Amino acid sequence: VSFLLLQLRIRCFEALIVKELRRQTPHHDTMHPLVRDLYKRVIHVGKDYPGGLEQVRRVAKKHFFENKELKEDEDIRRAVARGRWYLNNEIVGVIRLKKYRALNARYGAHNKN
């Protein structure tokens, strides 16, 4: 019985060591926090996009994967800044379209009384 307990303690200790090593080593396949934030913003804007969320998600993934080879922090920040600029312009366009559609629905030609 004591041998089994010793074996169990060794396995638990090994599992703790592996867990600690995984926590300490950097993950090169994880997403940069700025990139993750930009992706969340894109998805949030995509909810109101005329083509629908699935189209926005598909196009966003394509563009994000085009830049997946960027490793330098400066290059990543530059790409994120370019994406935020583009997203800002898209937000303005989406807001204008929503306002136009709301006004057209309220006061459009078919609603003239």
C-alpha atoms as a PDB file:
ATOM      1  CA  VAL A   1       0.000   0.000   0.000  1.00  0.00           C
ATOM      2  CA  SER A   2       2.808   2.413   0.855  1.00  0.00           C
ATOM      3  CA  PHE A   3       4.412   1.700  -2.537  1.00  0.00           C
ATOM      4  CA  LEU A   4       1.191   2.699  -4.301  1.00  0.00           C
ATOM      5  CA  LEU A   5       0.960   5.879  -2.246  1.00  0.00           C
ATOM      6  CA  LEU A   6       4.553   6.716  -3.098  1.00  0.00           C
ATOM      7  CA  GLN A   7       3.875   6.138  -6.793  1.00  0.00           C
ATOM      8  CA  LEU A   8       0.785   8.351  -6.624  1.00  0.00           C
ATOM      9  CA  ARG A   9       2.743  11.142  -4.919  1.00  0.00           C
ATOM     10  CA  ILE A  10       5.459  10.928  -7.570  1.00  0.00           C
ATOM     11  CA  ARG A  11       2.884  11.185 -10.353  1.00  0.00           C
ATOM     12  CA  CYS A  12       1.231  14.161  -8.679  1.00  0.00           C
ATOM     13  CA  PHE A  13       4.602  15.831  -8.231  1.00  0.00           C
ATOM     14  CA  GLU A  14       5.495  15.191 -11.881  1.00  0.00           C
ATOM     15  CA  ALA A  15       2.157  16.635 -12.967  1.00  0.00           C
ATOM     16  CA  LEU A  16       2.785  19.763 -10.881  1.00  0.00           C
ATOM     17  CA  ILE A  17       6.243  20.203 -12.395  1.00  0.00           C
ATOM     18  CA  VAL A  18       4.895  19.855 -15.932  1.00  0.00           C
ATOM     19  CA  LYS A  19       2.091  22.306 -15.173  1.00  0.00           C
ATOM     20  CA  GLU A  20       4.553  24.845 -13.755  1.00  0.00           C
ATOM     21  CA  LEU A  21       6.889  24.472 -16.743  1.00  0.00           C
ATOM     22  CA  ARG A  22       4.002  25.034 -19.149  1.00  0.00           C
ATOM     23  CA  ARG A  23       3.006  28.150 -17.240  1.00  0.00           C
ATOM     24  CA  GLN A  24       6.538  29.556 -17.326  1.00  0.00           C
ATOM     25  CA  THR A  25       7.355  28.902 -20.983  1.00  0.00           C
ATOM     26  CA  PRO A  26       5.991  31.434 -23.479  1.00  0.00           C
ATOM     27  CA  HIS A  27       3.488  30.164 -25.988  1.00  0.00           C
ATOM     28  CA  HIS A  28       4.458  31.211 -29.479  1.00  0.00           C
ATOM     29  CA  ASP A  29       1.174  30.083 -30.952  1.00  0.00           C
ATOM     30  CA  THR A  30      -1.002  32.304 -28.742  1.00  0.00           C
ATOM     31  CA  MET A  31      -2.514  35.514 -29.978  1.00  0.00           C
ATOM     32  CA  HIS A  32      -1.010  38.870 -29.029  1.00  0.00           C
ATOM     33  CA  PRO A  33      -3.386  40.758 -26.675  1.00  0.00           C
ATOM     34  CA  LEU A  34      -3.675  43.710 -29.083  1.00  0.00           C
ATOM     35  CA  VAL A  35      -4.598  41.349 -31.914  1.00  0.00           C
ATOM     36  CA  ARG A  36      -7.204  39.634 -29.747  1.00  0.00           C
ATOM     37  CA  ASP A  37      -8.681  43.018 -28.804  1.00  0.00           C
ATOM     38  CA  LEU A  38      -8.861  44.052 -32.470  1.00  0.00           C
ATOM     39  CA  TYR A  39     -10.552  40.762 -33.391  1.00  0.00           C
ATOM     40  CA  LYS A  40     -13.148  41.276 -30.649  1.00  0.00           C
ATOM     41  CA  ARG A  41     -13.816  44.783 -31.942  1.00  0.00           C
ATOM     42  CA  VAL A  42     -14.242  43.466 -35.479  1.00  0.00           C
ATOM     43  CA  ILE A  43     -16.740  40.862 -34.296  1.00  0.00           C
ATOM     44  CA  HIS A  44     -18.633  43.474 -32.271  1.00  0.00           C
ATOM     45  CA  VAL A  45     -18.948  45.768 -35.300  1.00  0.00           C
ATOM     46  CA  GLY A  46     -19.808  42.776 -37.479  1.00  0.00           C
ATOM     47  CA  LYS A  47     -23.078  42.284 -35.630  1.00  0.00           C
ATOM     48  CA  ASP A  48     -24.448  45.395 -37.352  1.00  0.00           C
ATOM     49  CA  TYR A  49     -22.702  44.877 -40.678  1.00  0.00           C
ATOM     50  CA  PRO A  50     -25.037  44.565 -43.696  1.00  0.00           C
ATOM     51  CA  GLY A  51     -23.449  41.326 -44.915  1.00  0.00           C
ATOM     52  CA  GLY A  52     -23.923  39.641 -41.571  1.00  0.00           C
ATOM     53  CA  LEU A  53     -21.633  38.389 -38.862  1.00  0.00           C
ATOM     54  CA  GLU A  54     -20.550  35.244 -40.726  1.00  0.00           C
ATOM     55  CA  GLN A  55     -19.276  37.233 -43.682  1.00  0.00           C
ATOM     56  CA  VAL A  56     -17.381  39.596 -41.373  1.00  0.00           C
ATOM     57  CA  ARG A  57     -15.876  36.676 -39.458  1.00  0.00           C
ATOM     58  CA  ARG A  58     -14.788  34.943 -42.673  1.00  0.00           C
ATOM     59  CA  VAL A  59     -13.137  38.059 -44.131  1.00  0.00           C
ATOM     60  CA  ALA A  60     -11.554  39.006 -40.792  1.00  0.00           C
ATOM     61  CA  LYS A  61     -10.029  35.547 -40.373  1.00  0.00           C
ATOM     62  CA  LYS A  62      -8.608  35.738 -43.881  1.00  0.00           C
ATOM     63  CA  HIS A  63      -6.935  39.074 -43.155  1.00  0.00           C
ATOM     64  CA  PHE A  64      -5.728  38.030 -39.715  1.00  0.00           C
ATOM     65  CA  PHE A  65      -4.157  34.851 -41.084  1.00  0.00           C
ATOM     66  CA  GLU A  66      -2.383  36.857 -43.799  1.00  0.00           C
ATOM     67  CA  ASN A  67      -0.397  38.541 -41.005  1.00  0.00           C
ATOM     68  CA  LYS A  68       0.187  35.531 -38.775  1.00  0.00           C
ATOM     69  CA  GLU A  69       3.906  35.399 -39.632  1.00  0.00           C
ATOM     70  CA  LEU A  70       4.533  38.732 -37.873  1.00  0.00           C
ATOM     71  CA  LYS A  71       6.702  38.118 -34.815  1.00  0.00           C
ATOM     72  CA  GLU A  72       8.242  41.476 -33.952  1.00  0.00           C
ATOM     73  CA  ASP A  73       6.247  43.559 -31.500  1.00  0.00           C
ATOM     74  CA  GLU A  74       6.660  46.709 -33.599  1.00  0.00           C
ATOM     75  CA  ASP A  75       5.338  44.976 -36.723  1.00  0.00           C
ATOM     76  CA  ILE A  76       2.361  43.614 -34.786  1.00  0.00           C
ATOM     77  CA  ARG A  77       1.570  47.054 -33.370  1.00  0.00           C
ATOM     78  CA  ARG A  78       1.805  48.614 -36.831  1.00  0.00           C
ATOM     79  CA  ALA A  79      -0.572  46.003 -38.279  1.00  0.00           C
ATOM     80  CA  VAL A  80      -3.002  46.457 -35.369  1.00  0.00           C
ATOM     81  CA  ALA A  81      -2.934  50.244 -35.864  1.00  0.00           C
ATOM     82  CA  ARG A  82      -3.718  49.763 -39.554  1.00  0.00           C
ATOM     83  CA  GLY A  83      -6.564  47.416 -38.621  1.00  0.00           C
ATOM     84  CA  ARG A  84      -7.959  49.859 -36.070  1.00  0.00           C
ATOM     85  CA  TRP A  85      -7.872  52.661 -38.650  1.00  0.00           C
ATOM     86  CA  TYR A  86      -9.757  50.487 -41.116  1.00  0.00           C
ATOM     87  CA  LEU A  87     -12.204  49.381 -38.441  1.00  0.00           C
ATOM     88  CA  ASN A  88     -12.846  52.977 -37.405  1.00  0.00           C
ATOM     89  CA  ASN A  89     -13.743  53.865 -40.996  1.00  0.00           C
ATOM     90  CA  GLU A  90     -15.998  50.828 -41.231  1.00  0.00           C
ATOM     91  CA  ILE A  91     -17.761  51.794 -37.991  1.00  0.00           C
ATOM     92  CA  VAL A  92     -18.480  55.242 -39.414  1.00  0.00           C
ATOM     93  CA  GLY A  93     -19.858  53.664 -42.578  1.00  0.00           C
ATOM     94  CA  VAL A  94     -22.026  51.186 -40.683  1.00  0.00           C
ATOM     95  CA  ILE A  95     -23.421  53.932 -38.432  1.00  0.00           C
ATOM     96  CA  ARG A  96     -24.257  56.085 -41.457  1.00  0.00           C
ATOM     97  CA  LEU A  97     -25.966  53.145 -43.134  1.00  0.00           C
ATOM     98  CA  LYS A  98     -27.995  52.367 -40.007  1.00  0.00           C
ATOM     99  CA  LYS A  99     -29.073  56.011 -39.737  1.00  0.00           C
ATOM    100  CA  TYR A 100     -30.007  56.102 -43.412  1.00  0.00           C
ATOM    101  CA  ARG A 101     -32.050  52.931 -43.147  1.00  0.00           C
ATOM    102  CA  ALA A 102     -33.792  54.164 -39.994  1.00  0.00           C
ATOM    103  CA  LEU A 103     -34.656  57.510 -41.586  1.00  0.00           C
ATOM    104  CA  ASN A 104     -35.701  55.845 -44.825  1.00  0.00           C
ATOM    105  CA  ALA A 105     -37.955  53.445 -42.938  1.00  0.00           C
ATOM    106  CA  ARG A 106     -39.481  56.303 -40.981  1.00  0.00           C
ATOM    107  CA  TYR A 107     -39.814  58.941 -43.693  1.00  0.00           C
ATOM    108  CA  GLY A 108     -39.235  57.037 -46.941  1.00  0.00           C
ATOM    109  CA  ALA A 109     -41.261  57.323 -50.129  1.00  0.00           C
ATOM    110  CA  HIS A 110     -43.533  54.412 -49.229  1.00  0.00           C
ATOM    111  CA  ASN A 111     -44.511  56.024 -45.910  1.00  0.00           C
ATOM    112  CA  LYS A 112     -45.809  59.298 -47.365  1.00  0.00           C
ATOM    113  CA  ASN A 113     -49.290  59.998 -46.072  1.00  0.00           C
END
